[in-house]
Amino acid sequence: MAVVINKLGGGYRFPNDDAVQMMQVSGVRVNATAATASTAEAAMPSGARLVMVRATGPMAIRFGQTGMGAAAVDANSILFPSGEAPVQVPLHTDGTPHGFFRVIRASGSDAFVQLEMVNLLSST
C-alpha cells in the first residue's frame, strides 16, 4: 500500500486508515463585534486567502476594499450562522483577495466574530 503524506493534516489517520482532513490555522486573528449597526471596516489578516470564520451568533459579513459600504443583511453581505467554518476570501476585480471586512448582527443579540488566517501550501 502506498503511503500518502497529508501535509495539511499532519499525517493523522482514522482507525480505518483514512486521512484526517484538518486545517492548520496561523494564529493571526482579527476580532470584531457584530452589533445592531455595521462595524467600521477592519483589515483582514495580511495575505489571507482562506480564513476560519467564528461567530457566537448569526451575523452578516461583507468583504471589500477600503472605503467599502456597510455590512447589512442583504445581497451585498454573506449571511453566516453561529459556529465556525472556512471561508475563501472573495476576490477584488483585479484578482487579489479583498483586504477588509465589516460585520453586522443578524439576530436580536450581538455576536463576537473572529477571522483567523488558514495556512496554505501555496497561494495558487
N, C-alpha and C. Protein backbone atom coordinates (compact mmCIF):
# COMPACT_ATOMS: atom_id res chain seq x y z
N MET A 1 0.84 -1.18 0.00
CA MET A 1 0.00 0.00 0.00
C MET A 1 0.88 1.23 0.00
N ALA A 2 0.60 2.18 -0.90
CA ALA A 2 1.35 3.43 -0.97
C ALA A 2 1.00 4.32 0.22
N VAL A 3 1.98 4.99 0.76
CA VAL A 3 1.76 5.91 1.88
C VAL A 3 1.71 7.31 1.32
N VAL A 4 0.61 8.00 1.60
CA VAL A 4 0.44 9.38 1.16
C VAL A 4 0.55 10.28 2.38
N ILE A 5 1.44 11.23 2.33
CA ILE A 5 1.60 12.16 3.45
C ILE A 5 0.65 13.33 3.23
N ASN A 6 -0.23 13.53 4.18
CA ASN A 6 -1.18 14.65 4.13
C ASN A 6 -0.53 15.82 4.85
N LYS A 7 0.07 16.75 4.10
CA LYS A 7 0.81 17.84 4.72
C LYS A 7 -0.08 18.76 5.53
N LEU A 8 -1.30 19.01 5.06
CA LEU A 8 -2.21 19.87 5.83
C LEU A 8 -2.69 19.18 7.09
N GLY A 9 -2.97 17.89 7.02
CA GLY A 9 -3.48 17.16 8.17
C GLY A 9 -2.38 16.64 9.08
N GLY A 10 -1.15 16.78 8.68
CA GLY A 10 -0.04 16.34 9.52
C GLY A 10 0.14 14.84 9.56
N GLY A 11 -0.51 14.10 8.64
CA GLY A 11 -0.33 12.66 8.60
C GLY A 11 -1.20 11.89 9.58
N TYR A 12 -2.16 12.57 10.25
CA TYR A 12 -3.04 11.87 11.18
C TYR A 12 -4.04 11.02 10.40
N ARG A 13 -4.38 9.84 10.99
CA ARG A 13 -5.27 8.92 10.27
C ARG A 13 -6.35 8.39 11.22
N PHE A 14 -7.51 8.09 10.63
CA PHE A 14 -8.58 7.43 11.36
C PHE A 14 -8.22 5.96 11.52
N PRO A 15 -8.91 5.23 12.43
CA PRO A 15 -8.61 3.80 12.60
C PRO A 15 -8.77 2.99 11.30
N ASN A 16 -9.63 3.46 10.37
CA ASN A 16 -9.79 2.72 9.11
C ASN A 16 -8.73 3.12 8.08
N ASP A 17 -7.74 3.90 8.49
CA ASP A 17 -6.60 4.33 7.70
C ASP A 17 -6.90 5.49 6.73
N ASP A 18 -8.12 6.06 6.79
CA ASP A 18 -8.39 7.27 6.00
C ASP A 18 -7.68 8.45 6.64
N ALA A 19 -7.22 9.37 5.80
CA ALA A 19 -6.54 10.57 6.30
C ALA A 19 -7.53 11.51 6.98
N VAL A 20 -7.11 12.12 8.07
CA VAL A 20 -7.91 13.12 8.77
C VAL A 20 -7.72 14.45 8.04
N GLN A 21 -8.83 15.04 7.62
CA GLN A 21 -8.76 16.34 6.95
C GLN A 21 -8.78 17.44 7.99
N MET A 22 -7.69 18.17 8.06
CA MET A 22 -7.55 19.24 9.05
C MET A 22 -7.00 20.48 8.37
N MET A 23 -7.24 21.61 8.98
CA MET A 23 -6.63 22.85 8.51
C MET A 23 -5.77 23.40 9.62
N GLN A 24 -4.61 23.84 9.26
CA GLN A 24 -3.72 24.45 10.24
C GLN A 24 -3.92 25.95 10.17
N VAL A 25 -4.41 26.50 11.27
CA VAL A 25 -4.61 27.95 11.33
C VAL A 25 -3.33 28.61 11.77
N SER A 26 -3.21 29.89 11.44
CA SER A 26 -1.94 30.59 11.59
C SER A 26 -1.73 31.25 12.95
N GLY A 27 -2.80 31.49 13.68
CA GLY A 27 -2.68 32.27 14.91
C GLY A 27 -2.81 33.76 14.64
N VAL A 28 -2.92 34.15 13.37
CA VAL A 28 -3.11 35.56 13.00
C VAL A 28 -4.62 35.80 12.94
N ARG A 29 -5.13 36.56 13.92
CA ARG A 29 -6.57 36.72 14.07
C ARG A 29 -6.97 38.19 14.09
N VAL A 30 -8.23 38.42 13.68
CA VAL A 30 -8.86 39.74 13.78
C VAL A 30 -10.21 39.51 14.44
N ASN A 31 -10.53 40.34 15.44
CA ASN A 31 -11.79 40.21 16.17
C ASN A 31 -12.69 41.40 15.90
N ALA A 32 -13.99 41.17 15.96
CA ALA A 32 -14.99 42.23 15.81
C ALA A 32 -16.23 41.82 16.58
N THR A 33 -17.09 42.80 16.86
CA THR A 33 -18.38 42.51 17.48
C THR A 33 -19.47 42.93 16.51
N ALA A 34 -20.30 41.97 16.10
CA ALA A 34 -21.42 42.26 15.22
C ALA A 34 -22.57 42.77 16.08
N ALA A 35 -22.93 44.03 15.91
CA ALA A 35 -23.98 44.67 16.71
C ALA A 35 -25.08 45.17 15.78
N THR A 36 -25.96 46.03 16.30
CA THR A 36 -27.11 46.50 15.51
C THR A 36 -26.70 47.36 14.32
N ALA A 37 -25.57 48.01 14.40
CA ALA A 37 -25.05 48.80 13.27
C ALA A 37 -23.79 48.13 12.73
N SER A 38 -23.53 48.31 11.47
CA SER A 38 -22.34 47.74 10.84
C SER A 38 -21.09 48.24 11.52
N THR A 39 -20.11 47.38 11.68
CA THR A 39 -18.83 47.80 12.23
C THR A 39 -18.10 48.68 11.22
N ALA A 40 -17.11 49.40 11.69
CA ALA A 40 -16.20 50.09 10.78
C ALA A 40 -15.41 49.02 10.05
N GLU A 41 -14.88 49.38 8.88
CA GLU A 41 -14.09 48.37 8.16
C GLU A 41 -12.85 48.02 8.98
N ALA A 42 -12.52 46.75 8.96
CA ALA A 42 -11.35 46.25 9.67
C ALA A 42 -10.48 45.50 8.67
N ALA A 43 -9.18 45.59 8.86
CA ALA A 43 -8.25 44.93 7.95
C ALA A 43 -8.27 43.42 8.17
N MET A 44 -8.25 42.69 7.06
CA MET A 44 -8.13 41.23 7.10
C MET A 44 -6.69 40.91 7.50
N PRO A 45 -6.45 39.69 8.02
CA PRO A 45 -5.06 39.29 8.22
C PRO A 45 -4.31 39.41 6.90
N SER A 46 -3.15 40.03 6.93
CA SER A 46 -2.39 40.31 5.71
C SER A 46 -2.10 39.05 4.92
N GLY A 47 -2.46 39.07 3.64
CA GLY A 47 -2.20 37.94 2.75
C GLY A 47 -3.20 36.81 2.83
N ALA A 48 -4.27 36.97 3.61
CA ALA A 48 -5.24 35.89 3.79
C ALA A 48 -6.00 35.60 2.51
N ARG A 49 -6.03 34.32 2.14
CA ARG A 49 -6.84 33.85 1.01
C ARG A 49 -7.95 32.94 1.51
N LEU A 50 -7.73 32.32 2.65
CA LEU A 50 -8.72 31.46 3.28
C LEU A 50 -8.71 31.79 4.77
N VAL A 51 -9.88 32.04 5.33
CA VAL A 51 -9.97 32.38 6.76
C VAL A 51 -10.96 31.44 7.43
N MET A 52 -10.70 31.17 8.69
CA MET A 52 -11.65 30.45 9.52
C MET A 52 -12.50 31.54 10.18
N VAL A 53 -13.79 31.52 9.89
CA VAL A 53 -14.71 32.50 10.49
C VAL A 53 -15.39 31.83 11.66
N ARG A 54 -15.34 32.49 12.81
CA ARG A 54 -16.00 32.00 14.01
C ARG A 54 -16.96 33.09 14.48
N ALA A 55 -18.17 32.69 14.86
CA ALA A 55 -19.15 33.67 15.35
C ALA A 55 -19.97 33.04 16.47
N THR A 56 -20.24 33.82 17.52
CA THR A 56 -21.05 33.32 18.63
C THR A 56 -22.54 33.43 18.36
N GLY A 57 -22.91 34.08 17.26
CA GLY A 57 -24.31 34.21 16.89
C GLY A 57 -24.42 34.53 15.41
N PRO A 58 -25.63 34.50 14.86
CA PRO A 58 -25.82 34.79 13.44
C PRO A 58 -25.37 36.22 13.11
N MET A 59 -24.73 36.37 11.97
CA MET A 59 -24.26 37.70 11.55
C MET A 59 -24.13 37.71 10.04
N ALA A 60 -23.96 38.90 9.49
CA ALA A 60 -23.68 39.07 8.07
C ALA A 60 -22.30 39.69 7.95
N ILE A 61 -21.52 39.21 7.01
CA ILE A 61 -20.16 39.72 6.81
C ILE A 61 -20.04 40.22 5.37
N ARG A 62 -19.38 41.35 5.23
CA ARG A 62 -19.13 41.92 3.89
C ARG A 62 -17.63 42.10 3.72
N PHE A 63 -17.11 41.58 2.62
CA PHE A 63 -15.71 41.73 2.29
C PHE A 63 -15.58 42.83 1.25
N GLY A 64 -14.47 43.57 1.26
CA GLY A 64 -14.27 44.61 0.26
C GLY A 64 -12.91 45.27 0.41
N GLN A 65 -12.76 46.35 -0.30
CA GLN A 65 -11.55 47.16 -0.22
C GLN A 65 -11.83 48.36 0.67
N THR A 66 -10.82 49.13 1.00
CA THR A 66 -11.01 50.28 1.85
C THR A 66 -12.04 51.23 1.22
N GLY A 67 -12.90 51.78 2.05
CA GLY A 67 -13.96 52.66 1.57
C GLY A 67 -15.23 51.93 1.19
N MET A 68 -15.29 50.63 1.47
CA MET A 68 -16.47 49.83 1.10
C MET A 68 -17.69 50.25 1.91
N GLY A 69 -18.87 49.84 1.43
CA GLY A 69 -20.12 50.14 2.12
C GLY A 69 -20.31 49.31 3.37
N ALA A 70 -21.36 49.63 4.10
CA ALA A 70 -21.67 48.96 5.36
C ALA A 70 -22.14 47.53 5.11
N ALA A 71 -21.92 46.69 6.10
CA ALA A 71 -22.49 45.34 6.08
C ALA A 71 -23.98 45.47 6.37
N ALA A 72 -24.77 44.61 5.78
CA ALA A 72 -26.21 44.58 6.01
C ALA A 72 -26.70 43.16 5.72
N VAL A 73 -27.86 42.84 6.24
CA VAL A 73 -28.43 41.53 5.94
C VAL A 73 -29.14 41.67 4.60
N ASP A 74 -28.34 41.65 3.53
CA ASP A 74 -28.85 41.80 2.16
C ASP A 74 -27.91 41.07 1.20
N ALA A 75 -28.12 41.28 -0.08
CA ALA A 75 -27.34 40.56 -1.10
C ALA A 75 -25.89 41.00 -1.18
N ASN A 76 -25.50 42.11 -0.54
CA ASN A 76 -24.11 42.57 -0.59
C ASN A 76 -23.24 41.93 0.50
N SER A 77 -23.85 41.22 1.42
CA SER A 77 -23.13 40.59 2.52
C SER A 77 -23.44 39.09 2.52
N ILE A 78 -22.59 38.33 3.20
CA ILE A 78 -22.77 36.88 3.32
C ILE A 78 -23.38 36.59 4.68
N LEU A 79 -24.53 35.94 4.70
CA LEU A 79 -25.16 35.56 5.95
C LEU A 79 -24.41 34.38 6.54
N PHE A 80 -24.06 34.48 7.81
CA PHE A 80 -23.24 33.46 8.46
C PHE A 80 -23.93 33.04 9.75
N PRO A 81 -24.20 31.75 9.94
CA PRO A 81 -24.81 31.30 11.19
C PRO A 81 -23.76 31.27 12.30
N SER A 82 -24.21 31.05 13.52
CA SER A 82 -23.23 30.90 14.60
C SER A 82 -22.44 29.61 14.35
N GLY A 83 -21.20 29.62 14.76
CA GLY A 83 -20.35 28.46 14.58
C GLY A 83 -19.01 28.82 13.97
N GLU A 84 -18.44 27.86 13.27
CA GLU A 84 -17.10 28.02 12.71
C GLU A 84 -17.07 27.35 11.35
N ALA A 85 -16.47 28.04 10.36
CA ALA A 85 -16.36 27.46 9.02
C ALA A 85 -15.25 28.16 8.26
N PRO A 86 -14.57 27.43 7.37
CA PRO A 86 -13.59 28.07 6.50
C PRO A 86 -14.30 28.85 5.40
N VAL A 87 -13.79 30.02 5.09
CA VAL A 87 -14.38 30.87 4.05
C VAL A 87 -13.25 31.38 3.16
N GLN A 88 -13.40 31.16 1.85
CA GLN A 88 -12.43 31.71 0.90
C GLN A 88 -12.69 33.21 0.80
N VAL A 89 -11.65 34.00 0.93
CA VAL A 89 -11.78 35.45 0.85
C VAL A 89 -12.14 35.81 -0.59
N PRO A 90 -13.28 36.50 -0.80
CA PRO A 90 -13.66 36.87 -2.17
C PRO A 90 -12.59 37.74 -2.83
N LEU A 91 -12.53 37.66 -4.14
CA LEU A 91 -11.53 38.40 -4.89
C LEU A 91 -12.06 39.75 -5.38
N HIS A 92 -11.18 40.73 -5.38
CA HIS A 92 -11.46 42.04 -5.95
C HIS A 92 -11.44 41.89 -7.47
N THR A 93 -11.93 42.88 -8.19
CA THR A 93 -11.96 42.80 -9.66
C THR A 93 -10.56 42.66 -10.26
N ASP A 94 -9.52 43.08 -9.52
CA ASP A 94 -8.15 42.94 -10.04
C ASP A 94 -7.55 41.57 -9.74
N GLY A 95 -8.34 40.67 -9.13
CA GLY A 95 -7.89 39.31 -8.87
C GLY A 95 -7.22 39.09 -7.53
N THR A 96 -7.05 40.13 -6.73
CA THR A 96 -6.45 39.97 -5.41
C THR A 96 -7.55 39.81 -4.36
N PRO A 97 -7.26 39.09 -3.27
CA PRO A 97 -8.27 38.93 -2.22
C PRO A 97 -8.61 40.29 -1.59
N HIS A 98 -9.88 40.45 -1.22
CA HIS A 98 -10.27 41.68 -0.52
C HIS A 98 -9.45 41.82 0.76
N GLY A 99 -9.17 43.05 1.14
CA GLY A 99 -8.32 43.30 2.30
C GLY A 99 -9.05 43.77 3.54
N PHE A 100 -10.39 43.95 3.44
CA PHE A 100 -11.14 44.48 4.58
C PHE A 100 -12.47 43.74 4.72
N PHE A 101 -13.08 43.88 5.91
CA PHE A 101 -14.39 43.29 6.15
C PHE A 101 -15.17 44.16 7.13
N ARG A 102 -16.49 43.97 7.12
CA ARG A 102 -17.39 44.61 8.08
C ARG A 102 -18.43 43.56 8.47
N VAL A 103 -18.96 43.65 9.69
CA VAL A 103 -19.98 42.70 10.14
C VAL A 103 -21.14 43.44 10.79
N ILE A 104 -22.30 42.77 10.81
CA ILE A 104 -23.49 43.26 11.49
C ILE A 104 -24.24 42.04 12.01
N ARG A 105 -24.89 42.17 13.15
CA ARG A 105 -25.62 41.02 13.69
C ARG A 105 -26.86 40.74 12.86
N ALA A 106 -27.29 39.49 12.88
CA ALA A 106 -28.46 39.07 12.11
C ALA A 106 -29.52 38.47 13.04
N SER A 107 -29.47 38.86 14.30
CA SER A 107 -30.45 38.39 15.29
C SER A 107 -30.61 39.48 16.34
N GLY A 108 -31.28 39.15 17.43
CA GLY A 108 -31.53 40.13 18.48
C GLY A 108 -30.37 40.33 19.43
N SER A 109 -29.29 39.60 19.26
CA SER A 109 -28.15 39.70 20.18
C SER A 109 -26.86 39.95 19.42
N ASP A 110 -25.95 40.69 20.05
CA ASP A 110 -24.64 40.90 19.46
C ASP A 110 -23.90 39.56 19.34
N ALA A 111 -22.97 39.50 18.40
CA ALA A 111 -22.18 38.29 18.20
C ALA A 111 -20.71 38.66 18.15
N PHE A 112 -19.90 37.91 18.84
CA PHE A 112 -18.47 38.09 18.75
C PHE A 112 -17.98 37.32 17.53
N VAL A 113 -17.13 37.95 16.73
CA VAL A 113 -16.69 37.39 15.46
C VAL A 113 -15.17 37.37 15.44
N GLN A 114 -14.62 36.29 14.93
CA GLN A 114 -13.17 36.18 14.78
C GLN A 114 -12.85 35.60 13.41
N LEU A 115 -11.91 36.23 12.73
CA LEU A 115 -11.39 35.70 11.47
C LEU A 115 -9.94 35.33 11.71
N GLU A 116 -9.58 34.09 11.37
CA GLU A 116 -8.21 33.62 11.54
C GLU A 116 -7.71 33.08 10.21
N MET A 117 -6.54 33.54 9.80
CA MET A 117 -5.96 33.09 8.54
C MET A 117 -5.59 31.61 8.63
N VAL A 118 -5.91 30.89 7.54
CA VAL A 118 -5.55 29.47 7.43
C VAL A 118 -4.25 29.37 6.65
N ASN A 119 -3.32 28.56 7.15
CA ASN A 119 -2.06 28.35 6.44
C ASN A 119 -2.32 27.51 5.19
N LEU A 120 -1.81 27.94 4.06
CA LEU A 120 -1.95 27.21 2.82
C LEU A 120 -0.57 26.79 2.32
N LEU A 121 -0.53 25.71 1.54
CA LEU A 121 0.74 25.26 0.99
C LEU A 121 1.25 26.18 -0.09
N SER A 122 0.31 26.79 -0.86
CA SER A 122 0.71 27.76 -1.87
C SER A 122 -0.43 28.74 -2.04
N SER A 123 -0.17 29.83 -2.72
CA SER A 123 -1.19 30.86 -2.91
C SER A 123 -1.93 30.71 -4.20
N THR A 124 -1.74 29.61 -4.91
CA THR A 124 -2.44 29.42 -6.20
C THR A 124 -3.65 28.56 -6.03
